[in-house]
Protein backbone atom coordinates (compact mmCIF):
# COMPACT_ATOMS: atom_id res chain seq x y z
CA MET A 1 -14.92 -2.00 25.26
CA SER A 2 -11.40 -0.63 25.83
CA ARG A 3 -10.25 2.72 24.50
CA LEU A 4 -8.47 2.52 21.13
CA VAL A 5 -5.17 4.30 20.50
CA VAL A 6 -4.03 4.37 16.87
CA VAL A 7 -0.42 5.28 16.07
CA SER A 8 0.70 5.96 12.50
CA ASN A 9 3.36 8.02 10.78
CA ARG A 10 0.73 10.51 9.57
CA VAL A 11 -2.60 11.40 11.14
CA ALA A 12 -5.79 12.36 9.29
CA VAL A 13 -6.61 15.33 11.51
CA PRO A 14 -10.00 17.11 11.35
CA GLY A 15 -10.29 19.41 8.37
CA GLN A 16 -8.21 17.23 6.07
CA ASN A 17 -9.85 15.45 3.15
CA GLN A 18 -10.06 11.79 4.20
CA THR A 19 -10.26 10.13 0.79
CA GLY A 20 -8.18 7.08 1.67
CA GLY A 21 -10.04 3.99 2.80
CA LEU A 22 -7.54 3.37 5.59
CA ALA A 23 -8.02 6.83 7.09
CA VAL A 24 -11.78 6.41 7.02
CA ALA A 25 -11.59 2.93 8.58
CA LEU A 26 -9.33 4.07 11.41
CA HIS A 27 -11.54 7.09 12.02
CA ASP A 28 -14.60 4.83 12.20
CA ALA A 29 -12.88 2.49 14.65
CA LEU A 30 -11.91 5.42 16.86
CA SER A 31 -15.42 6.88 16.63
CA GLU A 32 -16.96 3.60 17.81
CA ARG A 33 -14.68 3.23 20.83
CA GLY A 34 -13.35 6.69 21.56
CA GLY A 35 -9.63 7.19 21.76
CA ILE A 36 -6.47 8.82 20.48
CA TRP A 37 -4.84 9.06 17.06
CA PHE A 38 -1.15 9.81 17.47
CA GLY A 39 1.61 10.47 14.93
CA TRP A 40 3.83 12.94 13.14
CA SER A 41 2.25 16.29 12.33
CA GLY A 42 3.85 16.39 8.87
CA ARG A 43 5.66 19.59 9.90
CA THR A 44 9.41 20.07 10.13
CA VAL A 45 10.68 22.79 12.45
CA ARG A 46 13.99 24.57 12.96
CA GLY A 47 14.21 23.76 16.66
CA GLU A 48 14.00 20.47 18.54
CA SER A 49 11.53 17.68 17.78
CA GLY A 50 8.75 16.86 20.17
CA GLU A 51 6.27 19.72 20.31
CA LEU A 52 2.75 18.30 20.53
CA HIS A 53 -0.44 19.64 18.98
CA GLU A 54 -3.85 18.48 20.14
CA GLN A 55 -7.30 18.61 18.58
CA GLU A 56 -10.51 16.91 19.62
CA GLU A 57 -13.56 16.12 17.57
CA GLY A 58 -16.29 13.49 17.85
CA GLY A 59 -14.77 11.85 20.90
CA ILE A 60 -11.36 11.42 19.24
CA ARG A 61 -8.19 13.18 20.44
CA TYR A 62 -5.72 13.89 17.66
CA LEU A 63 -2.16 14.22 18.97
CA THR A 64 0.56 15.13 16.49
CA MET A 65 4.26 15.79 17.03
CA ASP A 66 6.58 18.09 15.09
CA LEU A 67 9.98 16.86 13.93
CA SER A 68 13.16 18.81 13.37
CA ARG A 69 14.54 18.80 9.85
CA GLU A 70 17.47 16.69 10.98
CA ASP A 71 15.25 14.09 12.68
CA ASN A 72 12.88 13.96 9.70
CA ASP A 73 15.79 13.43 7.32
CA SER A 74 17.18 10.50 9.32
CA TYR A 75 13.89 8.91 10.43
CA TYR A 76 11.60 9.36 7.43
CA ASN A 77 13.68 10.29 4.39
CA GLY A 78 16.59 8.23 5.63
CA PHE A 79 16.12 4.91 7.41
CA ALA A 80 12.40 4.42 6.73
CA ASN A 81 12.46 5.19 3.01
CA ARG A 82 16.07 4.58 1.95
CA THR A 83 16.70 1.44 3.99
CA LEU A 84 13.45 -0.23 5.09
CA TRP A 85 11.31 0.56 2.04
CA PRO A 86 13.66 -1.07 -0.53
CA LEU A 87 14.53 -3.91 1.87
CA LEU A 88 10.88 -4.78 2.46
CA HIS A 89 10.23 -4.61 -1.30
CA PHE A 90 13.00 -7.13 -2.08
CA ARG A 91 15.37 -4.49 -3.54
CA LEU A 92 18.69 -5.12 -1.83
CA ASP A 93 20.42 -3.24 -4.66
CA LEU A 94 18.73 -0.01 -3.51
CA VAL A 95 19.15 -0.39 0.26
CA ASP A 96 21.19 2.29 2.01
CA TYR A 97 23.39 0.21 4.31
CA THR A 98 25.02 3.11 6.15
CA ARG A 99 24.32 3.30 9.87
CA GLU A 100 23.99 7.06 10.23
CA THR A 101 20.20 7.17 9.87
CA ARG A 102 19.41 4.22 12.15
CA GLU A 103 19.88 6.12 15.36
CA GLY A 104 17.69 8.92 14.01
CA TYR A 105 14.94 6.36 13.30
CA ARG A 106 15.23 4.98 16.82
CA LYS A 107 15.41 8.49 18.31
CA VAL A 108 12.10 9.52 16.70
CA ASN A 109 10.43 6.27 17.77
CA ALA A 110 11.73 6.92 21.31
CA LEU A 111 10.29 10.46 21.17
CA PHE A 112 6.94 8.99 20.12
CA ALA A 113 7.15 6.61 23.08
CA ASP A 114 8.08 9.42 25.49
CA ARG A 115 5.11 11.54 24.43
CA LEU A 116 2.59 8.71 24.22
CA ALA A 117 3.40 6.54 27.24
CA PRO A 118 2.11 8.99 29.92
CA ARG A 119 -1.21 9.21 28.09
CA LEU A 120 -1.89 5.47 28.00
CA ARG A 121 -4.07 3.47 30.39
CA ASP A 122 -3.65 -0.14 31.44
CA ASP A 123 -6.86 -1.17 29.66
CA ASP A 124 -6.14 0.64 26.37
CA THR A 125 -5.74 -1.17 23.05
CA VAL A 126 -2.87 0.30 21.02
CA TRP A 127 -2.76 -0.32 17.25
CA ILE A 128 0.53 0.70 15.60
CA HIS A 129 0.91 0.93 11.82
CA ASP A 130 3.67 0.19 9.36
CA TYR A 131 7.42 0.09 8.91
CA HIS A 132 8.02 3.62 10.22
CA LEU A 133 7.17 2.47 13.75
CA ILE A 134 8.39 -1.13 14.08
CA PRO A 135 10.19 -0.66 17.45
CA LEU A 136 7.54 1.50 19.10
CA ALA A 137 5.91 -1.22 21.23
CA ALA A 138 9.27 -2.33 22.63
CA LEU A 139 10.08 1.29 23.53
CA LEU A 140 6.67 1.68 25.20
CA ARG A 141 7.22 -1.54 27.16
CA GLU A 142 10.55 -0.10 28.38
CA ARG A 143 8.58 2.87 29.72
CA GLY A 144 6.27 0.61 31.72
CA VAL A 145 3.32 0.33 29.32
CA GLY A 146 1.62 -3.01 29.80
CA CYS A 147 -1.57 -2.68 27.76
CA ARG A 148 -2.48 -4.75 24.74
CA MET A 149 -0.59 -3.71 21.60
CA GLY A 150 -0.90 -4.76 17.98
CA PHE A 151 1.10 -3.94 14.84
CA PHE A 152 0.10 -4.05 11.19
CA LEU A 153 2.65 -4.10 8.36
CA HIS A 154 1.14 -2.58 5.23
CA VAL A 155 4.09 -3.48 2.96
CA PRO A 156 5.44 -6.95 2.08
CA MET A 157 7.50 -9.07 4.44
CA PRO A 158 10.51 -10.31 2.44
CA SER A 159 12.28 -13.63 2.83
CA SER A 160 14.42 -14.15 5.90
CA ASP A 161 17.69 -14.10 3.93
CA LEU A 162 16.89 -10.61 2.65
CA LEU A 163 16.04 -9.33 6.13
CA ALA A 164 19.28 -10.79 7.44
CA ALA A 165 21.23 -8.84 4.82
CA MET A 166 20.62 -5.65 6.80
CA PRO A 167 23.42 -5.09 9.30
CA ASP A 168 22.26 -5.44 12.90
CA HIS A 169 18.89 -6.69 11.66
CA SER A 170 18.00 -8.51 14.86
CA ARG A 171 18.11 -5.30 16.90
CA LEU A 172 15.20 -3.96 14.84
CA PHE A 173 13.11 -7.00 13.96
CA SER A 174 13.31 -8.57 17.42
CA THR A 175 11.28 -5.59 18.67
CA LEU A 176 8.26 -7.16 16.96
CA TYR A 177 8.18 -9.63 19.85
CA ALA A 178 6.92 -6.83 22.09
CA TYR A 179 3.54 -6.85 20.36
CA ASP A 180 0.64 -9.14 21.19
CA LEU A 181 -0.46 -9.43 17.55
CA VAL A 182 1.55 -8.77 14.39
CA GLY A 183 -0.65 -8.47 11.31
CA PHE A 184 0.44 -8.97 7.71
CA GLN A 185 -1.26 -8.59 4.34
CA THR A 186 -1.02 -12.23 3.20
CA ARG A 187 -0.47 -15.71 4.49
CA ARG A 188 2.84 -15.77 2.57
CA ASP A 189 4.05 -12.76 4.59
CA VAL A 190 3.25 -14.61 7.82
CA GLU A 191 5.24 -17.63 6.62
CA ARG A 192 8.24 -15.43 5.77
CA PHE A 193 8.13 -13.83 9.22
CA GLN A 194 7.99 -17.25 10.87
CA ASP A 195 11.01 -18.32 8.81
CA TYR A 196 12.91 -15.29 10.05
CA VAL A 197 11.98 -16.08 13.66
CA ARG A 198 13.29 -19.65 13.30
CA LEU A 199 16.42 -18.94 11.28
CA PHE A 200 17.64 -15.56 12.50
CA GLY A 201 15.34 -14.27 15.23
CA GLY A 202 16.26 -16.68 18.02
CA GLY A 203 12.63 -17.65 18.61
CA SER A 204 10.46 -20.64 17.81
CA VAL A 205 7.15 -21.25 16.08
CA LEU A 206 4.92 -23.15 18.50
CA GLY A 207 2.03 -23.53 16.08
CA ASP A 208 0.46 -21.88 13.12
CA GLY A 209 0.96 -18.18 13.80
CA LEU A 210 1.98 -18.63 17.45
CA ILE A 211 5.55 -17.52 18.11
CA GLU A 212 7.69 -17.71 21.22
CA ALA A 213 10.42 -15.09 21.58
CA PRO A 214 13.84 -15.95 23.06
CA GLY A 215 12.75 -14.68 26.48
CA GLY A 216 9.55 -16.76 26.47
CA ARG A 217 7.11 -14.03 25.51
CA ARG A 218 4.48 -15.18 23.02
CA VAL A 219 3.14 -13.21 20.07
CA ARG A 220 0.59 -14.12 17.42
CA ALA A 221 1.20 -13.49 13.69
CA GLN A 222 -1.74 -13.55 11.29
CA ALA A 223 -2.80 -12.34 7.85
CA PHE A 224 -5.42 -9.58 7.58
CA PRO A 225 -5.69 -8.53 3.91
CA ILE A 226 -6.52 -4.84 3.82
CA SER A 227 -9.36 -3.77 1.56
CA ILE A 228 -11.53 -0.89 0.34
CA ASP A 229 -14.95 0.61 1.00
CA THR A 230 -16.44 -1.51 -1.76
CA ALA A 231 -19.98 -0.16 -1.73
CA ARG A 232 -18.88 3.48 -1.61
CA ILE A 233 -16.44 3.10 -4.51
CA ALA A 234 -19.00 1.29 -6.65
CA GLU A 235 -21.50 4.08 -6.03
CA GLN A 236 -18.86 6.76 -6.62
CA ALA A 237 -17.75 5.23 -9.92
CA GLY A 238 -21.31 5.08 -11.20
CA ALA A 239 -21.85 8.73 -10.37
CA ALA A 240 -18.50 9.74 -11.91
CA THR A 241 -19.56 8.80 -15.43
CA SER A 242 -21.22 12.21 -15.77
CA LYS A 243 -18.15 14.16 -14.62
CA PRO A 244 -16.79 16.44 -17.37
CA MET A 245 -13.25 15.06 -17.13
CA VAL A 246 -14.48 11.46 -17.42
CA ARG A 247 -16.67 12.37 -20.40
CA ARG A 248 -13.73 14.09 -22.08
CA LEU A 249 -11.56 11.02 -21.56
CA ARG A 250 -14.16 8.78 -23.18
CA GLU A 251 -14.59 11.16 -26.11
CA SER A 252 -10.83 11.40 -26.66
CA LEU A 253 -10.59 7.64 -27.22
CA ALA A 254 -12.45 7.97 -30.54
CA GLY A 255 -14.02 4.54 -30.21
CA ARG A 256 -10.87 2.78 -28.98
CA LYS A 257 -10.72 0.81 -25.74
CA LEU A 258 -8.83 2.13 -22.73
CA ALA A 259 -6.22 0.38 -20.58
CA ILE A 260 -5.38 2.20 -17.37
CA GLY A 261 -2.66 2.09 -14.74
CA VAL A 262 -2.65 4.29 -11.63
CA ASP A 263 0.43 4.11 -9.43
CA ARG A 264 2.53 6.33 -7.24
CA LEU A 265 5.83 6.91 -9.05
CA ASP A 266 7.89 4.25 -7.28
CA TYR A 267 10.34 1.58 -8.39
CA SER A 268 8.28 -1.13 -6.67
CA LYS A 269 5.39 -0.59 -9.12
CA GLY A 270 7.13 -2.13 -12.14
CA LEU A 271 6.35 0.79 -14.46
CA PRO A 272 9.32 0.38 -16.86
CA GLU A 273 8.45 -3.29 -17.21
CA ARG A 274 4.79 -2.41 -17.81
CA PHE A 275 5.69 0.14 -20.48
CA HIS A 276 7.87 -2.45 -22.21
CA GLY A 277 5.07 -5.01 -21.87
CA PHE A 278 2.71 -2.62 -23.63
CA GLU A 279 5.31 -2.07 -26.33
CA ARG A 280 5.54 -5.85 -26.78
CA TYR A 281 1.75 -5.96 -27.08
CA LEU A 282 1.85 -3.35 -29.84
CA LYS A 283 4.41 -5.42 -31.74
CA LYS A 284 2.91 -8.90 -31.17
CA HIS A 285 -0.74 -8.04 -31.73
CA ARG A 286 -0.60 -5.59 -34.61
CA ASP A 287 -4.03 -6.66 -35.85
CA ARG A 288 -5.66 -5.35 -32.66
CA SER A 289 -3.12 -3.03 -31.08
CA SER A 290 -4.38 0.19 -32.69
CA MET A 291 -7.72 -0.37 -30.92
CA LEU A 292 -6.25 0.14 -27.43
CA THR A 293 -4.98 3.30 -25.73
CA TYR A 294 -2.97 2.97 -22.52
CA LEU A 295 -3.25 5.77 -19.92
CA GLN A 296 -0.67 5.66 -17.13
CA ILE A 297 -1.24 8.04 -14.22
CA ALA A 298 1.85 8.23 -11.99
CA PRO A 299 1.96 11.14 -9.53
CA VAL A 300 5.50 12.00 -8.50
CA SER A 301 6.52 10.89 -5.01
CA ARG A 302 9.81 11.54 -3.20
CA GLY A 303 10.83 13.67 -6.16
CA ASN A 304 14.00 14.86 -4.45
CA VAL A 305 15.41 11.32 -4.16
CA GLU A 306 17.91 10.36 -6.84
CA GLU A 307 16.42 6.93 -7.57
CA TYR A 308 13.00 8.45 -8.18
CA GLN A 309 14.37 11.15 -10.44
CA ALA A 310 16.12 8.46 -12.49
CA LEU A 311 12.90 6.42 -12.68
CA ARG A 312 10.93 9.40 -13.94
CA ALA A 313 13.53 10.12 -16.63
CA GLU A 314 13.52 6.46 -17.68
CA LEU A 315 9.73 6.36 -18.03
CA GLU A 316 9.69 9.56 -20.07
CA GLN A 317 12.29 8.07 -22.39
CA ILE A 318 10.39 4.79 -22.84
CA ALA A 319 7.08 6.58 -23.41
CA GLY A 320 8.68 8.80 -26.04
CA HIS A 321 10.19 5.79 -27.77
CA VAL A 322 6.91 3.84 -27.77
CA ASN A 323 4.90 6.76 -29.09
CA GLY A 324 7.54 7.68 -31.65
CA ALA A 325 7.49 4.17 -33.06
CA HIS A 326 3.76 3.42 -32.96
CA SER A 327 1.73 6.66 -33.03
CA SER A 328 -0.38 7.71 -35.98
CA ALA A 329 -1.80 11.08 -36.93
CA ASP A 330 -4.94 10.45 -34.87
CA TRP A 331 -3.67 8.11 -32.14
CA THR A 332 -1.11 8.25 -29.31
CA PRO A 333 -0.88 4.73 -27.87
CA LEU A 334 0.69 5.61 -24.47
CA ARG A 335 -0.50 8.59 -22.45
CA TYR A 336 1.83 9.17 -19.51
CA VAL A 337 0.63 11.70 -16.90
CA ASN A 338 2.52 12.84 -13.75
CA ARG A 339 -0.31 14.48 -11.80
CA ASN A 340 -2.92 13.75 -9.20
CA PHE A 341 -6.64 13.42 -9.90
CA ALA A 342 -9.48 13.54 -7.39
CA HIS A 343 -10.36 10.06 -6.17
CA ALA A 344 -13.92 10.35 -7.47
CA THR A 345 -12.54 11.16 -10.93
CA LEU A 346 -10.18 8.19 -10.80
CA THR A 347 -13.04 5.79 -10.12
CA GLY A 348 -14.74 7.20 -13.22
CA PHE A 349 -11.56 6.55 -15.21
CA TYR A 350 -11.49 2.97 -13.88
CA ARG A 351 -15.07 2.42 -14.99
CA ALA A 352 -14.23 3.72 -18.46
CA ALA A 353 -11.28 1.33 -18.83
CA ALA A 354 -11.70 -2.03 -20.51
CA VAL A 355 -8.37 -3.18 -19.04
CA GLY A 356 -6.89 -2.44 -15.62
CA LEU A 357 -3.10 -2.84 -15.43
CA VAL A 358 -1.78 -3.52 -11.93
CA THR A 359 1.64 -5.12 -12.35
CA PRO A 360 3.94 -4.21 -9.44
CA LEU A 361 7.21 -6.03 -8.89
CA ARG A 362 6.23 -6.22 -5.21
CA ASP A 363 3.28 -4.82 -3.29
CA GLY A 364 1.88 -5.51 0.15
CA MET A 365 -1.66 -5.42 -1.21
CA ASN A 366 -2.33 -2.81 -3.95
CA LEU A 367 -5.75 -1.30 -3.40
CA VAL A 368 -5.90 0.07 -6.96
CA ALA A 369 -6.59 -3.50 -8.09
CA LYS A 370 -9.57 -3.73 -5.74
CA GLU A 371 -10.81 -0.26 -6.61
CA TYR A 372 -10.66 -1.06 -10.32
CA VAL A 373 -12.89 -4.12 -9.78
CA ALA A 374 -15.34 -2.24 -7.54
CA SER A 375 -15.65 0.59 -10.10
CA GLN A 376 -16.79 -1.57 -13.01
CA ASP A 377 -20.15 -1.50 -14.77
CA PRO A 378 -21.80 -4.84 -13.86
CA GLU A 379 -23.26 -5.16 -17.37
CA ASP A 380 -20.00 -4.45 -19.18
CA PRO A 381 -17.10 -4.91 -16.76
CA GLY A 382 -13.45 -4.50 -17.64
CA VAL A 383 -10.70 -7.07 -17.06
CA LEU A 384 -8.00 -6.81 -14.41
CA VAL A 385 -4.43 -7.76 -15.38
CA LEU A 386 -2.70 -8.34 -12.04
CA SER A 387 0.84 -9.18 -10.95
CA HIS A 388 1.42 -12.41 -9.06
CA PHE A 389 3.58 -10.32 -6.71
CA ALA A 390 0.81 -8.05 -5.45
CA GLY A 391 -0.89 -9.11 -2.24
CA ALA A 392 -4.23 -8.65 -4.01
CA ALA A 393 -3.40 -11.64 -6.24
CA HIS A 394 -4.03 -13.95 -3.26
CA GLU A 395 -7.68 -12.84 -3.25
CA LEU A 396 -8.53 -11.76 -6.81
CA ARG A 397 -7.84 -15.10 -8.44
CA GLU A 398 -10.22 -14.41 -11.34
CA ALA A 399 -7.98 -11.62 -12.63
CA LEU A 400 -5.51 -12.39 -15.41
CA LEU A 401 -2.45 -13.08 -13.28
CA VAL A 402 0.94 -12.28 -14.80
CA ASN A 403 4.64 -12.19 -14.01
CA PRO A 404 5.58 -8.52 -14.60
CA HIS A 405 9.08 -9.56 -15.71
CA ASP A 406 7.60 -11.72 -18.51
CA LEU A 407 6.96 -9.13 -21.22
CA ASP A 408 5.40 -11.64 -23.60
CA GLY A 409 3.08 -12.88 -20.85
CA VAL A 410 2.01 -9.31 -20.02
CA ALA A 411 1.47 -8.53 -23.72
CA ASP A 412 -0.64 -11.66 -24.22
CA ALA A 413 -2.69 -10.89 -21.11
CA MET A 414 -3.45 -7.41 -22.48
CA ALA A 415 -4.60 -8.97 -25.76
CA HIS A 416 -6.70 -11.54 -23.89
CA ALA A 417 -8.29 -8.85 -21.73
CA GLU A 418 -9.06 -6.57 -24.67
CA THR A 419 -10.80 -9.35 -26.64
CA MET A 420 -12.48 -11.27 -23.78
CA PRO A 421 -16.20 -12.00 -24.42
CA VAL A 422 -18.65 -10.15 -22.20
CA GLY A 423 -19.97 -13.38 -20.63
CA GLU A 424 -16.53 -14.37 -19.34
CA ARG A 425 -15.86 -10.81 -18.19
CA ARG A 426 -19.04 -10.76 -16.14
CA GLU A 427 -18.30 -14.14 -14.59
CA ARG A 428 -14.79 -13.16 -13.54
CA TRP A 429 -15.90 -9.75 -12.27
CA GLN A 430 -18.82 -11.14 -10.27
CA ALA A 431 -16.61 -13.60 -8.39
CA MET A 432 -14.13 -10.85 -7.45
CA MET A 433 -16.87 -8.38 -6.55
CA ASP A 434 -18.61 -10.90 -4.29
CA HIS A 435 -15.36 -11.34 -2.41
CA LEU A 436 -14.80 -7.59 -2.09
CA ARG A 437 -18.32 -7.05 -0.77
CA GLY A 438 -17.73 -9.61 1.98
CA HIS A 439 -14.19 -8.49 2.72
CA ASP A 440 -14.28 -4.71 2.68
CA ILE A 441 -12.26 -2.22 4.74
CA ASN A 442 -14.64 -2.49 7.72
CA HIS A 443 -14.31 -6.28 7.74
CA TRP A 444 -10.53 -5.80 7.81
CA ARG A 445 -10.38 -3.47 10.80
CA ARG A 446 -13.04 -5.38 12.77
CA SER A 447 -11.36 -8.75 12.22
CA TYR A 448 -7.98 -7.34 13.28
CA LEU A 449 -9.27 -5.66 16.43
CA GLU A 450 -11.39 -8.69 17.41
CA THR A 451 -8.34 -10.94 17.04
CA LEU A 452 -6.19 -8.54 19.05
CA ALA A 453 -8.82 -8.45 21.80
CA ALA A 454 -8.84 -12.27 21.95
CA THR A 455 -5.04 -12.68 21.83
């Protein structure tokens, strides 16, 4: 078995709390095969970028690289998160079209290639992750690296017309041809990529998922829906019911049912639309609405970015309006919280919630949807209300699927979820849980690496 080299923007180095399923899965893959995990250290320095730090534990070498403040601003804060993030989430209105940050993005990817290439062997398998590092394989190939390389895009792939709206788009997206395997979250993402190849990328689609680049090189594109550690989360949620914070949440409901949303504070998550959908529910279903409390947990992310500051202010305004219009002396319908909770506590919150609200405007997958399902009590499971535009909707078909822009549809789905008989709830939950047991995070990483090995 070849050595595995994982490359990602951030690295879960020893000593950090690895709560995320992805970090655990990548660590397990590296533990099985031995190898290197390479990426940004998370540190910005006053001098030049490029200083490497190395740790080793359990047969894994962790290599991380510092970035200068200037390089971090152009690579990460700039092109990655002000240009690529909105573009890949279908938000052309928020894309920063200036060219200043593009060279910084390429410069950091070239620095990654410079530091990594001398450490690679011909028989290595390199697995590169996400939109921060799209051109890395092409830059490694330029430096003489010939080993097998795969890429996985964790966010959505938008339609070809949207990709083509970015100036000089082909310079970036043609670098995907340097990989042997390009993985996406859903089959629809693969189809959009193939459309781009045909219409704007100068290549051709030879067969389902088999692409020929303009120079004749062939690359495979395939869907690998990312998942969760289903068994661990189910166990964790059951144990969390006795946690003091979970008990206090239950007691605070005073007999009412709980609807929960947990999202990073981001415009892709559809939070204003969700708040308005809940407001519509309160107005349309007055006979039942006072029996449901909605808790939205939205930790602040990228708080220094103007668009995110505006989003936070908008949500605070909507929440105040909803509560001002519908609260009573003993009931606040919408609880809006901007803080992090321990993952084990969150799974306890999920288990306590009769309704899970996962209604992004766009999402590559959305693992909260899967975690909500895995956290449920099998005897009395809650109901998942899920956006059509989340990648998870392609798998969790037994959820109540909604269009997040359709406020009446979201409101009616909340009412349906809150009143659904226990027999139907169990049937829907069981079908989704069976799928998640068979398609957990380990199935995801094994299926990807097996396909890459055979490509």
